Protein backbone atom coordinates (compact mmCIF):
# COMPACT_ATOMS: atom_id res chain seq x y z
CA UNK A 1 0.00 0.00 0.00
CA UNK A 2 1.07 3.59 -0.54
CA UNK A 3 2.35 5.03 2.70
CA UNK A 4 0.03 7.89 3.79
CA UNK A 5 1.90 11.14 3.31
CA UNK A 6 0.94 14.77 3.65
CA UNK A 7 3.17 17.56 2.41
CA UNK A 8 2.75 20.94 4.06
CA UNK A 9 4.40 23.72 2.11
CA UNK A 10 4.37 27.20 3.58
CA UNK A 11 4.31 29.57 0.65
CA UNK A 12 4.53 33.31 1.07
CA UNK A 13 2.37 35.35 -1.25
CA UNK A 14 3.81 38.64 -2.33
CA UNK A 15 0.55 40.39 -1.52
CA UNK A 16 -0.73 38.41 1.43
CA UNK A 17 0.07 36.37 4.54
CA UNK A 18 1.70 32.98 4.59
CA UNK A 19 -0.70 30.18 3.61
CA UNK A 20 -0.22 26.48 4.21
CA UNK A 21 -0.79 24.47 1.03
CA UNK A 22 -1.78 20.88 1.62
CA UNK A 23 -1.36 18.15 -0.97
CA UNK A 24 -2.69 14.88 0.42
CA UNK A 25 -1.69 11.51 -0.99
CA UNK A 26 -4.64 9.68 0.62
CA UNK A 27 -7.03 12.16 -0.99
CA UNK A 28 -5.30 11.97 -4.39
CA UNK A 29 -5.30 8.18 -4.15
CA UNK A 30 -9.03 8.11 -3.51
CA UNK A 31 -9.64 10.35 -6.53
CA UNK A 32 -7.57 8.07 -8.78
CA UNK A 33 -9.27 4.92 -7.50
CA UNK A 34 -12.71 6.43 -7.99
CA UNK A 35 -12.00 7.74 -11.49
CA UNK A 36 -10.47 4.45 -12.66
CA UNK A 37 -13.03 2.16 -11.05
CA UNK A 38 -14.83 -0.35 -13.28
CA UNK A 39 -18.12 1.33 -12.40
CA UNK A 40 -17.09 4.31 -14.56
CA UNK A 41 -16.61 1.92 -17.51
CA UNK A 42 -13.54 3.69 -18.86
CA UNK A 43 -15.02 7.23 -18.86
CA UNK A 44 -15.92 7.21 -22.56
CA UNK A 45 -17.66 10.31 -23.97
CA UNK A 46 -21.46 10.40 -23.73
CA UNK A 47 -21.64 7.24 -21.60
CA UNK A 48 -22.93 6.52 -18.14
CA UNK A 49 -19.27 6.48 -17.13
CA UNK A 50 -18.85 10.07 -18.27
CA UNK A 51 -22.03 11.10 -16.44
CA UNK A 52 -20.63 9.63 -13.23
CA UNK A 53 -17.24 11.23 -13.85
CA UNK A 54 -18.73 14.69 -14.36
CA UNK A 55 -20.87 14.29 -11.24
CA UNK A 56 -17.82 13.30 -9.20
CA UNK A 57 -15.76 16.24 -10.44
CA UNK A 58 -18.54 18.71 -9.69
CA UNK A 59 -19.03 17.19 -6.24
CA UNK A 60 -15.34 17.53 -5.44
CA UNK A 61 -15.10 21.10 -6.74
CA UNK A 62 -18.13 22.12 -4.69
CA UNK A 63 -16.64 20.51 -1.59
CA UNK A 64 -13.38 22.37 -2.20
CA UNK A 65 -15.15 25.72 -2.19
CA UNK A 66 -14.62 26.47 -5.87
CA UNK A 67 -17.26 28.36 -7.85
CA UNK A 68 -18.93 27.14 -11.06
CA UNK A 69 -16.80 28.09 -14.07
CA UNK A 70 -18.73 26.68 -17.04
CA UNK A 71 -21.09 28.19 -19.58
CA UNK A 72 -23.81 30.66 -18.63
CA UNK A 73 -27.40 29.43 -18.98
CA UNK A 74 -30.31 31.76 -18.19
CA UNK A 75 -27.90 34.12 -16.49
CA UNK A 76 -26.43 31.44 -14.23
CA UNK A 77 -22.88 30.11 -14.46
CA UNK A 78 -22.92 26.29 -14.73
CA UNK A 79 -20.33 23.69 -13.77
CA UNK A 80 -20.09 22.34 -17.32
CA UNK A 81 -19.66 23.35 -20.92
CA UNK A 82 -21.60 21.30 -23.42
CA UNK A 83 -19.42 19.82 -26.18
CA UNK A 84 -21.48 18.61 -29.18
CA UNK A 85 -19.78 15.71 -30.95
CA UNK A 86 -20.39 13.46 -33.92
CA UNK A 87 -20.36 9.84 -32.74
CA UNK A 88 -19.83 6.97 -35.16
CA UNK A 89 -19.92 3.20 -34.48
CA UNK A 90 -19.52 0.16 -36.66
CA UNK A 91 -22.61 -2.04 -36.67
CA UNK A 92 -21.34 -5.57 -37.08
CA UNK A 93 -17.93 -6.44 -38.44
CA UNK A 94 -16.73 -4.53 -41.50
CA UNK A 95 -15.14 -6.55 -44.33
CA UNK A 96 -11.90 -5.46 -45.99
CA UNK A 97 -10.15 -7.21 -48.87
CA UNK A 98 -7.15 -6.73 -51.12
CA UNK A 99 -7.19 -7.72 -54.77
CA UNK A 100 -4.04 -8.20 -56.79
CA UNK A 101 -1.26 -10.79 -56.94
CA UNK A 102 0.48 -11.99 -53.81
CA UNK A 103 -1.24 -9.36 -51.62
CA UNK A 104 -4.75 -10.64 -52.36
CA UNK A 105 -6.85 -11.71 -49.40
CA UNK A 106 -9.00 -10.54 -46.55
CA UNK A 107 -7.70 -8.07 -43.96
CA UNK A 108 -8.87 -8.71 -40.42
CA UNK A 109 -10.04 -5.67 -38.48
CA UNK A 110 -7.77 -5.15 -35.46
CA UNK A 111 -5.11 -7.57 -36.70
CA UNK A 112 -4.12 -6.58 -40.24
CA UNK A 113 -5.84 -3.22 -40.42
CA UNK A 114 -7.56 -0.82 -38.02
CA UNK A 115 -10.27 1.16 -39.78
CA UNK A 116 -12.07 3.91 -37.93
CA UNK A 117 -15.86 4.16 -38.08
CA UNK A 118 -16.61 6.92 -40.64
CA UNK A 119 -16.46 10.51 -39.40
CA UNK A 120 -18.04 11.99 -42.52
CA UNK A 121 -21.53 11.39 -41.13
CA UNK A 122 -22.03 8.50 -43.56
CA UNK A 123 -23.99 5.43 -42.46
CA UNK A 124 -21.89 3.07 -44.55
CA UNK A 125 -18.48 2.55 -46.09
CA UNK A 126 -18.52 1.13 -49.61
CA UNK A 127 -15.31 0.93 -51.61
CA UNK A 128 -14.98 -1.34 -54.63
CA UNK A 129 -11.61 -2.15 -56.21
CA UNK A 130 -10.14 1.24 -55.32
CA UNK A 131 -6.53 1.84 -56.44
CA UNK A 132 -3.81 2.09 -53.77
CA UNK A 133 -1.16 4.79 -54.18
CA UNK A 134 2.05 4.88 -52.13
CA UNK A 135 2.43 8.58 -51.29
CA UNK A 136 5.57 8.53 -49.14
CA UNK A 137 4.81 10.46 -45.97
CA UNK A 138 1.79 12.22 -47.44
CA UNK A 139 3.36 15.63 -46.84
CA UNK A 140 3.10 18.94 -48.65
CA UNK A 141 5.37 21.46 -46.90
CA UNK A 142 6.31 24.30 -49.27
CA UNK A 143 8.41 26.08 -46.64
CA UNK A 144 10.59 22.95 -46.55
CA UNK A 145 10.53 22.55 -50.32
CA UNK A 146 8.73 19.24 -49.92
CA UNK A 147 5.82 17.78 -51.88
CA UNK A 148 5.10 14.07 -51.85
CA UNK A 149 2.35 14.43 -54.46
CA UNK A 150 4.03 16.39 -57.29
CA UNK A 151 0.67 17.28 -58.81
CA UNK A 152 -0.46 13.65 -59.16
CA UNK A 153 -4.25 13.33 -59.03
CA UNK A 154 -5.14 11.10 -56.07
CA UNK A 155 -8.87 11.79 -56.05
CA UNK A 156 -10.88 8.67 -55.30
CA UNK A 157 -7.78 6.64 -54.40
CA UNK A 158 -6.43 5.14 -51.16
CA UNK A 159 -3.14 6.65 -49.99
CA UNK A 160 -0.55 4.41 -48.32
CA UNK A 161 1.72 6.62 -46.21
CA UNK A 162 4.34 6.36 -43.49
CA UNK A 163 3.79 7.83 -40.04
CA UNK A 164 6.06 10.63 -38.76
CA UNK A 165 8.26 12.95 -40.87
CA UNK A 166 10.40 12.16 -43.94
CA UNK A 167 13.67 12.44 -42.02
CA UNK A 168 12.67 10.28 -39.04
CA UNK A 169 14.34 7.13 -40.38
CA UNK A 170 17.40 8.97 -41.70
CA UNK A 171 18.64 12.17 -43.36
CA UNK A 172 16.91 13.59 -46.42
CA UNK A 173 18.72 11.78 -49.22
CA UNK A 174 19.12 14.74 -51.57
CA UNK A 175 19.78 17.58 -49.13
CA UNK A 176 17.88 20.80 -48.61
CA UNK A 177 15.66 21.87 -45.68
CA UNK A 178 14.79 19.06 -43.31
CA UNK A 179 12.03 18.46 -40.75
CA UNK A 180 14.19 18.55 -37.63
CA UNK A 181 15.33 14.94 -37.56
CA UNK A 182 13.78 13.02 -34.68
CA UNK A 183 11.71 16.00 -33.51
CA UNK A 184 8.27 15.34 -34.99
CA UNK A 185 6.51 18.24 -36.67
CA UNK A 186 2.75 18.42 -37.19
CA UNK A 187 3.35 16.98 -40.67
CA UNK A 188 4.24 13.71 -38.95
CA UNK A 189 1.00 13.36 -37.00
CA UNK A 190 -1.70 10.95 -38.14
CA UNK A 191 -4.23 13.78 -37.94
CA UNK A 192 -2.30 15.70 -40.60
CA UNK A 193 -2.20 12.63 -42.89
CA UNK A 194 -6.00 12.37 -42.78
CA UNK A 195 -6.55 16.12 -43.20
CA UNK A 196 -4.26 16.28 -46.22
CA UNK A 197 -5.91 13.28 -47.85
CA UNK A 198 -9.31 14.95 -47.46
CA UNK A 199 -7.95 18.18 -48.91
CA UNK A 200 -6.71 16.31 -52.00
CA UNK A 201 -9.94 14.37 -52.47
CA UNK A 202 -8.49 10.92 -51.69
CA UNK A 203 -10.98 8.19 -50.82
CA UNK A 204 -8.95 7.07 -47.84
CA UNK A 205 -5.66 6.59 -46.06
CA UNK A 206 -3.68 3.59 -44.84
CA UNK A 207 -0.98 4.69 -42.38
CA UNK A 208 1.82 2.14 -42.06
CA UNK A 209 2.36 1.28 -38.41
CA UNK A 210 5.87 0.80 -37.07
CA UNK A 211 6.57 0.95 -33.35
CA UNK A 212 9.42 3.49 -33.35
CA UNK A 213 8.03 6.24 -35.60
CA UNK A 214 4.53 5.85 -34.14
CA UNK A 215 5.97 5.74 -30.59
CA UNK A 216 3.53 3.02 -29.57
CA UNK A 217 2.75 -0.57 -30.45
CA UNK A 218 0.01 -2.10 -32.58
CA UNK A 219 -2.15 -2.77 -29.51
CA UNK A 220 -2.50 0.99 -29.00
CA UNK A 221 -3.45 1.49 -32.65
CA UNK A 222 -6.02 -1.29 -32.51
CA UNK A 223 -7.58 -0.15 -29.25
CA UNK A 224 -7.73 3.51 -30.28
CA UNK A 225 -9.15 3.03 -33.79
CA UNK A 226 -11.58 0.12 -33.73
CA UNK A 227 -13.98 1.38 -31.05
CA UNK A 228 -16.43 4.29 -31.07
CA UNK A 229 -15.15 7.32 -32.97
CA UNK A 230 -15.90 10.97 -32.25
CA UNK A 231 -15.30 14.36 -33.85
CA UNK A 232 -16.43 17.91 -33.28
CA UNK A 233 -19.58 18.73 -35.21
CA UNK A 234 -18.53 20.24 -38.56
CA UNK A 235 -20.51 22.01 -41.28
CA UNK A 236 -18.58 19.98 -43.90
CA UNK A 237 -17.04 16.84 -42.37
CA UNK A 238 -15.60 15.71 -45.72
CA UNK A 239 -13.30 18.75 -45.71
CA UNK A 240 -11.46 17.24 -42.72
CA UNK A 241 -12.01 13.51 -43.19
CA UNK A 242 -11.69 11.18 -46.20
CA UNK A 243 -14.18 8.33 -46.48
CA UNK A 244 -11.78 5.84 -44.87
CA UNK A 245 -9.17 6.51 -42.19
CA UNK A 246 -7.03 3.57 -41.16
CA UNK A 247 -3.73 2.12 -40.04
CA UNK A 248 -2.19 -1.07 -41.42
CA UNK A 249 0.21 -3.42 -39.68
CA UNK A 250 3.81 -3.73 -40.79
CA UNK A 251 3.03 -7.23 -42.08
CA UNK A 252 0.24 -5.86 -44.26
CA UNK A 253 2.55 -3.11 -45.54
CA UNK A 254 5.18 -5.72 -46.40
CA UNK A 255 2.62 -7.49 -48.62
CA UNK A 256 1.62 -4.29 -50.39
CA UNK A 257 5.19 -3.26 -51.15
CA UNK A 258 6.20 -6.78 -52.14
CA UNK A 259 3.43 -6.78 -54.73
CA UNK A 260 5.15 -3.75 -56.25
CA UNK A 261 8.59 -5.37 -56.12
CA UNK A 262 9.77 -3.30 -53.14
CA UNK A 263 10.83 -4.05 -49.60
CA UNK A 264 9.73 -1.83 -46.73
CA UNK A 265 13.30 -0.51 -46.44
CA UNK A 266 13.35 0.39 -50.12
CA UNK A 267 10.03 2.20 -49.75
CA UNK A 268 11.46 4.17 -46.83
CA UNK A 269 14.56 5.08 -48.82
CA UNK A 270 12.48 6.29 -51.76
CA UNK A 271 10.21 8.35 -49.48
CA UNK A 272 13.20 10.18 -47.95
CA UNK A 273 14.05 11.75 -51.28
CA UNK A 274 12.83 15.22 -52.20
CA UNK A 275 12.21 14.02 -55.77
CA UNK A 276 9.90 11.21 -54.61
CA UNK A 277 6.79 10.75 -56.74
CA UNK A 278 3.65 8.76 -55.84
CA UNK A 279 3.67 5.11 -56.89
CA UNK A 280 0.45 3.34 -57.82
CA UNK A 281 0.61 -0.16 -56.35
CA UNK A 282 -0.64 -3.20 -58.33
CA UNK A 283 -3.21 -3.79 -55.62
CA UNK A 284 -6.87 -2.79 -55.22
CA UNK A 285 -8.89 -2.43 -52.05
CA UNK A 286 -12.54 -3.07 -51.25
CA UNK A 287 -14.49 -2.33 -48.11
CA UNK A 288 -18.01 -3.00 -46.88
CA UNK A 289 -19.20 -1.76 -43.53
CA UNK A 290 -22.26 -0.23 -41.92
CA UNK A 291 -22.15 2.41 -39.23
CA UNK A 292 -24.46 4.48 -37.08
CA UNK A 293 -23.72 8.18 -36.81
CA UNK A 294 -25.39 10.60 -34.46
CA UNK A 295 -24.75 13.84 -32.62
CA UNK A 296 -24.20 13.49 -28.89
CA UNK A 297 -23.17 15.82 -26.10
CA UNK A 298 -20.08 15.42 -23.96
CA UNK A 299 -19.07 17.83 -21.21
CA UNK A 300 -16.11 19.90 -20.15
CA UNK A 301 -16.14 20.63 -16.42
CA UNK A 302 -14.90 23.99 -15.12
CA UNK A 303 -14.45 25.58 -11.72
CA UNK A 304 -13.12 29.06 -10.99
CA UNK A 305 -11.71 31.09 -8.13
CA UNK A 306 -12.28 34.71 -9.25
CA UNK A 307 -9.32 37.04 -9.00
CA UNK A 308 -9.51 39.81 -6.44
CA UNK A 309 -8.24 42.64 -8.64
CA UNK A 310 -8.16 41.41 -12.28
CA UNK A 311 -10.83 38.69 -12.48
CA UNK A 312 -11.03 38.94 -16.29
CA UNK A 313 -7.46 37.60 -16.55
CA UNK A 314 -6.98 33.86 -16.03
CA UNK A 315 -4.49 31.12 -15.31
CA UNK A 316 -5.86 27.71 -16.28
CA UNK A 317 -4.99 24.24 -14.97
CA UNK A 318 -6.18 21.55 -17.38
CA UNK A 319 -6.52 17.76 -17.49
CA UNK A 320 -8.67 15.51 -19.63
CA UNK A 321 -11.21 13.48 -17.68
CA UNK A 322 -12.06 10.94 -20.40
CA UNK A 323 -10.53 7.66 -21.47
CA UNK A 324 -11.34 4.99 -24.07
CA UNK A 325 -14.42 3.47 -22.44
CA UNK A 326 -15.26 -0.12 -23.36
CA UNK A 327 -13.42 -1.68 -26.29
CA UNK A 328 -11.90 -4.86 -27.62
CA UNK A 329 -11.01 -7.43 -24.92
CA UNK A 330 -7.43 -8.16 -23.95
CA UNK A 331 -5.98 -11.65 -23.46
CA UNK A 332 -7.80 -11.89 -20.11
CA UNK A 333 -11.15 -10.86 -21.55
CA UNK A 334 -11.07 -7.42 -19.89
CA UNK A 335 -12.90 -4.85 -22.04
CA UNK A 336 -12.84 -1.84 -19.66
CA UNK A 337 -10.10 0.68 -20.42
CA UNK A 338 -9.84 2.21 -16.95
CA UNK A 339 -7.27 4.90 -17.73
CA UNK A 340 -5.85 5.12 -14.19
CA UNK A 341 -2.62 6.88 -15.18
CA UNK A 342 -4.12 8.26 -18.40
CA UNK A 343 -5.65 10.39 -17.09
CA UNK A 344 -7.04 9.56 -13.66
CA UNK A 345 -3.76 10.76 -12.16
CA UNK A 346 -3.74 14.07 -14.04
CA UNK A 347 -7.40 14.69 -13.19
CA UNK A 348 -6.75 13.96 -9.51
CA UNK A 349 -3.83 16.39 -9.59
CA UNK A 350 -5.96 19.27 -10.89
CA UNK A 351 -8.66 18.50 -8.30
CA UNK A 352 -5.99 18.77 -5.62
CA UNK A 353 -4.80 22.08 -7.07
CA UNK A 354 -8.38 23.37 -6.79
CA UNK A 355 -8.49 22.39 -3.12
CA UNK A 356 -5.14 24.03 -2.41
CA UNK A 357 -6.01 27.30 -4.15
CA UNK A 358 -9.42 27.41 -2.47
CA UNK A 359 -7.78 27.28 0.98
CA UNK A 360 -5.31 30.07 0.16
CA UNK A 361 -5.83 33.85 -0.12
CA UNK A 362 -7.31 34.83 -3.49
CA UNK A 363 -4.91 35.65 -6.29
CA UNK A 364 -5.07 38.82 -8.37
CA UNK A 365 -6.00 36.92 -11.52
CA UNK A 366 -8.70 34.26 -11.64
CA UNK A 367 -7.61 30.63 -11.48
CA UNK A 368 -9.63 28.17 -13.58
CA UNK A 369 -9.68 24.38 -13.18
CA UNK A 370 -10.72 22.90 -16.51
CA UNK A 371 -11.39 19.20 -17.02
CA UNK A 372 -11.82 18.63 -20.75
CA UNK A 373 -13.70 15.87 -22.54
CA UNK A 374 -12.83 13.59 -25.46
CA UNK A 375 -9.07 14.08 -25.44
CA UNK A 376 -8.60 10.46 -26.46
CA UNK A 377 -10.73 11.12 -29.54
CA UNK A 378 -8.47 13.89 -30.82
CA UNK A 379 -8.29 16.68 -28.20
CA UNK A 380 -11.93 17.44 -28.95
CA UNK A 381 -12.94 18.96 -25.61
CA UNK A 382 -10.04 21.39 -25.58
CA UNK A 383 -10.52 22.14 -29.29
CA UNK A 384 -14.15 23.01 -28.59
CA UNK A 385 -13.13 25.18 -25.65
CA UNK A 386 -10.68 27.30 -27.65
CA UNK A 387 -13.29 27.70 -30.40
CA UNK A 388 -15.89 28.67 -27.78
CA UNK A 389 -13.82 30.02 -24.86
CA UNK A 390 -15.45 30.50 -21.49
CA UNK A 391 -12.80 33.12 -20.72
CA UNK A 392 -10.99 35.31 -23.28
CA UNK A 393 -7.96 33.55 -24.76
CA UNK A 394 -6.17 36.87 -25.16
CA UNK A 395 -6.40 37.39 -21.41
CA UNK A 396 -5.40 33.85 -20.48
CA UNK A 397 -1.91 34.29 -19.02
CA UNK A 398 -0.97 30.63 -19.23
CA UNK A 399 -2.20 27.03 -19.34
CA UNK A 400 -0.65 24.27 -17.22
CA UNK A 401 -1.80 20.89 -18.50
CA UNK A 402 -1.32 17.55 -16.76
CA UNK A 403 -1.65 14.33 -18.76
CA UNK A 404 -0.54 11.45 -16.56
CA UNK A 405 1.81 12.10 -13.66
CA UNK A 406 4.44 10.75 -11.34
CA UNK A 407 3.64 7.29 -9.93
CA UNK A 408 7.18 6.01 -9.32
CA UNK A 409 8.37 8.40 -6.63
CA UNK A 410 10.25 11.73 -6.61
CA UNK A 411 12.55 12.68 -9.48
CA UNK A 412 15.59 14.91 -9.74
CA UNK A 413 14.34 16.38 -12.99
CA UNK A 414 11.15 17.28 -14.88
CA UNK A 415 10.16 18.01 -18.46
CA UNK A 416 7.42 19.23 -20.76
CA UNK A 417 6.08 17.72 -23.97
CA UNK A 418 7.97 18.87 -27.02
CA UNK A 419 10.78 21.37 -27.45
CA UNK A 420 8.89 24.68 -27.55
CA UNK A 421 10.54 27.71 -25.95
CA UNK A 422 8.34 30.05 -23.95
CA UNK A 423 8.36 32.21 -20.85
CA UNK A 424 6.15 29.75 -19.00
CA UNK A 425 8.93 27.18 -19.24
CA UNK A 426 11.39 29.72 -17.81
CA UNK A 427 9.13 30.06 -14.78
CA UNK A 428 9.01 26.27 -14.34
CA UNK A 429 12.80 26.01 -14.57
CA UNK A 430 13.31 28.76 -11.99
CA UNK A 431 10.83 27.18 -9.58
CA UNK A 432 12.31 23.74 -10.17
CA UNK A 433 15.71 24.98 -9.04
CA UNK A 434 14.20 25.80 -5.66
CA UNK A 435 13.37 22.10 -5.33
CA UNK A 436 16.89 21.16 -6.41
CA UNK A 437 15.53 19.83 -9.71
CA UNK A 438 16.70 20.36 -13.27
CA UNK A 439 14.82 20.64 -16.54
CA UNK A 440 15.41 17.76 -18.96
CA UNK A 441 14.38 18.42 -22.57
CA UNK A 442 11.88 15.96 -24.01
CA UNK A 443 13.94 12.90 -24.91
CA UNK A 444 11.25 11.54 -27.23
CA UNK A 445 10.51 14.49 -29.49
CA UNK A 446 10.00 11.94 -32.27
CA UNK A 447 6.82 10.80 -30.50
CA UNK A 448 5.17 14.16 -31.12
CA UNK A 449 3.84 14.46 -27.58
CA UNK A 450 3.52 18.21 -28.07
CA UNK A 451 0.65 17.58 -30.48
CA UNK A 452 -1.00 14.89 -28.35
CA UNK A 453 -2.14 16.76 -25.24
CA UNK A 454 -4.75 19.35 -24.45
CA UNK A 455 -2.35 22.30 -24.31
CA UNK A 456 -1.90 22.07 -28.09
CA UNK A 457 -5.25 23.63 -29.15
CA UNK A 458 -4.46 26.54 -26.80
CA UNK A 459 -0.97 26.87 -28.30
CA UNK A 460 -2.40 27.00 -31.83
CA UNK A 461 -4.43 30.03 -30.72
CA UNK A 462 -1.31 31.62 -29.27
CA UNK A 463 -1.99 31.01 -25.56
CA UNK A 464 1.24 30.15 -23.69
CA UNK A 465 0.63 26.52 -22.72
CA UNK A 466 2.68 23.56 -21.59
CA UNK A 467 1.94 19.92 -20.85
CA UNK A 468 3.84 18.87 -17.73
CA UNK A 469 5.89 15.68 -17.75
CA UNK A 470 7.31 14.07 -14.65
CA UNK A 471 11.03 13.43 -14.56
CA UNK A 472 12.74 10.12 -15.36
CA UNK A 473 15.81 10.62 -13.17
CA UNK A 474 14.22 8.98 -10.15
CA UNK A 475 15.63 9.48 -6.68
CA UNK A 476 15.14 5.74 -6.30
CA UNK A 477 16.88 4.12 -9.25
CA UNK A 478 17.92 7.03 -11.45
CA UNK A 479 17.29 7.38 -15.17
CA UNK A 480 17.74 3.68 -15.87
CA UNK A 481 14.84 2.69 -13.62
CA UNK A 482 12.71 5.65 -14.73
CA UNK A 483 13.09 4.85 -18.41
CA UNK A 484 12.49 1.14 -17.87
CA UNK A 485 9.26 1.82 -15.98
CA UNK A 486 8.02 4.27 -18.61
CA UNK A 487 8.83 1.86 -21.44
CA UNK A 488 7.03 -0.97 -19.64
CA UNK A 489 3.94 1.20 -19.18
CA UNK A 490 3.88 2.17 -22.86
CA UNK A 491 4.25 -1.44 -23.98
CA UNK A 492 1.89 -3.14 -21.53
CA UNK A 493 -0.64 -0.63 -20.23
CA UNK A 494 -0.90 2.52 -22.36
CA UNK A 495 -4.36 2.55 -23.99
CA UNK A 496 -4.93 -0.98 -22.77
CA UNK A 497 -7.25 -2.46 -20.11
CA UNK A 498 -4.28 -2.95 -17.78
CA UNK A 499 -3.98 0.81 -17.14
CA UNK A 500 -5.45 0.29 -13.67
CA UNK A 501 -4.68 1.71 -10.25
CA UNK A 502 -1.84 -0.10 -8.51
CA UNK A 503 -1.50 0.21 -4.71
CA UNK A 504 2.29 -0.07 -5.10
CA UNK A 505 2.43 3.35 -6.77
CA UNK A 506 4.60 5.88 -4.96
CA UNK A 507 2.77 9.22 -5.27
CA UNK A 508 5.34 11.26 -3.34
CA UNK A 509 6.67 12.45 -6.71
CA UNK A 510 3.19 13.59 -7.74
CA UNK A 511 3.01 15.74 -4.62
CA UNK A 512 6.46 17.16 -5.44
CA UNK A 513 5.24 18.04 -8.93
CA UNK A 514 1.99 19.50 -7.59
CA UNK A 515 3.93 21.83 -5.31
CA UNK A 516 6.06 23.11 -8.19
CA UNK A 517 3.09 23.60 -10.52
CA UNK A 518 1.11 25.28 -7.74
CA UNK A 519 3.80 27.86 -7.10
CA UNK A 520 4.21 28.65 -10.79
CA UNK A 521 0.46 29.06 -11.26
CA UNK A 522 0.14 31.10 -8.09
CA UNK A 523 3.00 33.42 -9.02
CA UNK A 524 1.60 33.94 -12.50
CA UNK A 525 -1.87 34.60 -11.06
CA UNK A 526 -0.39 37.25 -8.75
CA UNK A 527 1.67 38.80 -11.53
CA UNK A 528 0.96 41.48 -14.11
CA UNK A 529 3.32 39.80 -16.59
CA UNK A 530 2.24 38.18 -19.84
CA UNK A 531 4.63 35.33 -20.73
CA UNK A 532 4.99 34.72 -24.44
CA UNK A 533 6.44 32.27 -26.92
CA UNK A 534 9.97 32.65 -28.28
CA UNK A 535 10.28 35.07 -31.17
CA UNK A 536 10.88 32.23 -33.64
CA UNK A 537 7.89 30.19 -32.43
CA UNK A 538 5.11 29.36 -34.88
CA UNK A 539 2.67 30.37 -32.11
CA UNK A 540 4.14 33.81 -31.43
CA UNK A 541 2.20 35.56 -34.19
CA UNK A 542 -1.17 34.31 -32.95
CA UNK A 543 -0.37 35.55 -29.45
CA UNK A 544 0.80 38.95 -30.58
CA UNK A 545 -2.40 39.54 -32.54
CA UNK A 546 -4.31 39.60 -29.23
CA UNK A 547 -2.01 42.13 -27.55
CA UNK A 548 -4.74 44.80 -27.64
CA UNK A 549 -6.87 42.65 -25.32
CA UNK A 550 -4.08 42.95 -22.78
CA UNK A 551 -3.94 46.72 -23.11
CA UNK A 552 -1.38 46.65 -25.88
CA UNK A 553 1.44 46.14 -23.38
CA UNK A 554 4.68 44.61 -24.55
CA UNK A 555 4.92 41.04 -23.23
CA UNK A 556 7.62 40.29 -20.70
CA UNK A 557 10.53 38.67 -22.53
CA UNK A 558 12.73 36.19 -20.80
CA UNK A 559 15.72 34.29 -22.10
CA UNK A 560 13.50 31.51 -23.45
CA UNK A 561 11.28 33.97 -25.29
CA UNK A 562 14.21 35.55 -27.13
CA UNK A 563 14.92 32.22 -28.79
């Protein structure tokens, strides 16, 4: 069992008396156990599990003394923000087949291919002998002088593309601007591959799965893409989604390339060249599947502690409250994806921040505790929020997101997702030094974690936002143990039914992280400063366009912001 532990941190506010901040492991543990219990059935959007989750979060925020921070209905501020979503489910088992030479045969859903239920609003998927075109990485990036399509008409065809960026597996063969090596850009994300295919009028996409460039195994692909699918409600869904969105296993890809006289390695080598041109494979694809599509409502949950002098300015703590719900069974027949670490731990952390702030003197700016929905379906709750903000984005000083958290004990270091440079990171580094901790840059930039957490929609709109990552240099066991534990989680529990609460977890590190994040959020909420992105950041322009909302003041520039 986890040893009961309470950390009392006396923190002096610049404008008020000393306040004792309490972060309680027994209380955090109870939150995690409740949120990951089988009775919540994996916290899928628009399920009884989500209803119970929302009720629990509201109950805990009320008990903490936080005020409702959601949308206003009939003049009254609610605890929630409605998030309308398109929901799509397969009815029965879809049938997929390949026609053509040695590749001919049926593809089994979840084993050879993972096809998402249609997000175009269609009630069926019907494809008959559709040509397959190998399109490299499926990237058009004019600023990098890269175009995998070269004007080839791919309308009505299925694109076969690699995951990640063209230079992930090795240097660009014929020189010129690259994509940053192992550091994934948005061009490498599966979402981009689908969006680009829709833009070009392709009938569908098959993304080749390989563990390293995807950063997760086939089990994660299967579990994330063969259950209920969701999207924000769109006026024209076909502008963002082709008819078919799928992943294929490496074994399936080997068959497709072999039919064209290529090995997988040869296909990779060809796709790393700037002069690559699409290759039509001597294989056709057919699909038959029925689906039900409907509009449902999921819910973001929000609490607020209004600022005492500038309540229209906010600091936001975020965590996604959803997980995958009920899906395909594992080897033990377990179909409930409990999501204890992902993201019961992060949700419990933000609840504990709400309790701590509620007990302390009010800050100058308002502090918001935002629990977003449908992150696992593509950051949909946070995307809806930034499109329909409860509080002005231009006056949001910063977003501190928690996705997961420390369960292996205290660490000597900490990190954030991705390699972005911004003033908010400078604040974290400075506060970390007071704990004797150092900042370790993201060691897995190739995984594209920056694009996979709920801070990303805020960043796209220019709001300074980070997604916190616990350190790997553990006090007990160092980096070797930390990395081994993280790798084991990714392989055996991430997006799988085995992501369950474990009483052997050591949450002392989570308390350590909570203290650091609390002090950064508190200091920012008591500050008049406006942290910004570095001058060379792709998000800097969006932030600067909202400067007038902040009185036109010049943002504070720290070392990280100067680039």
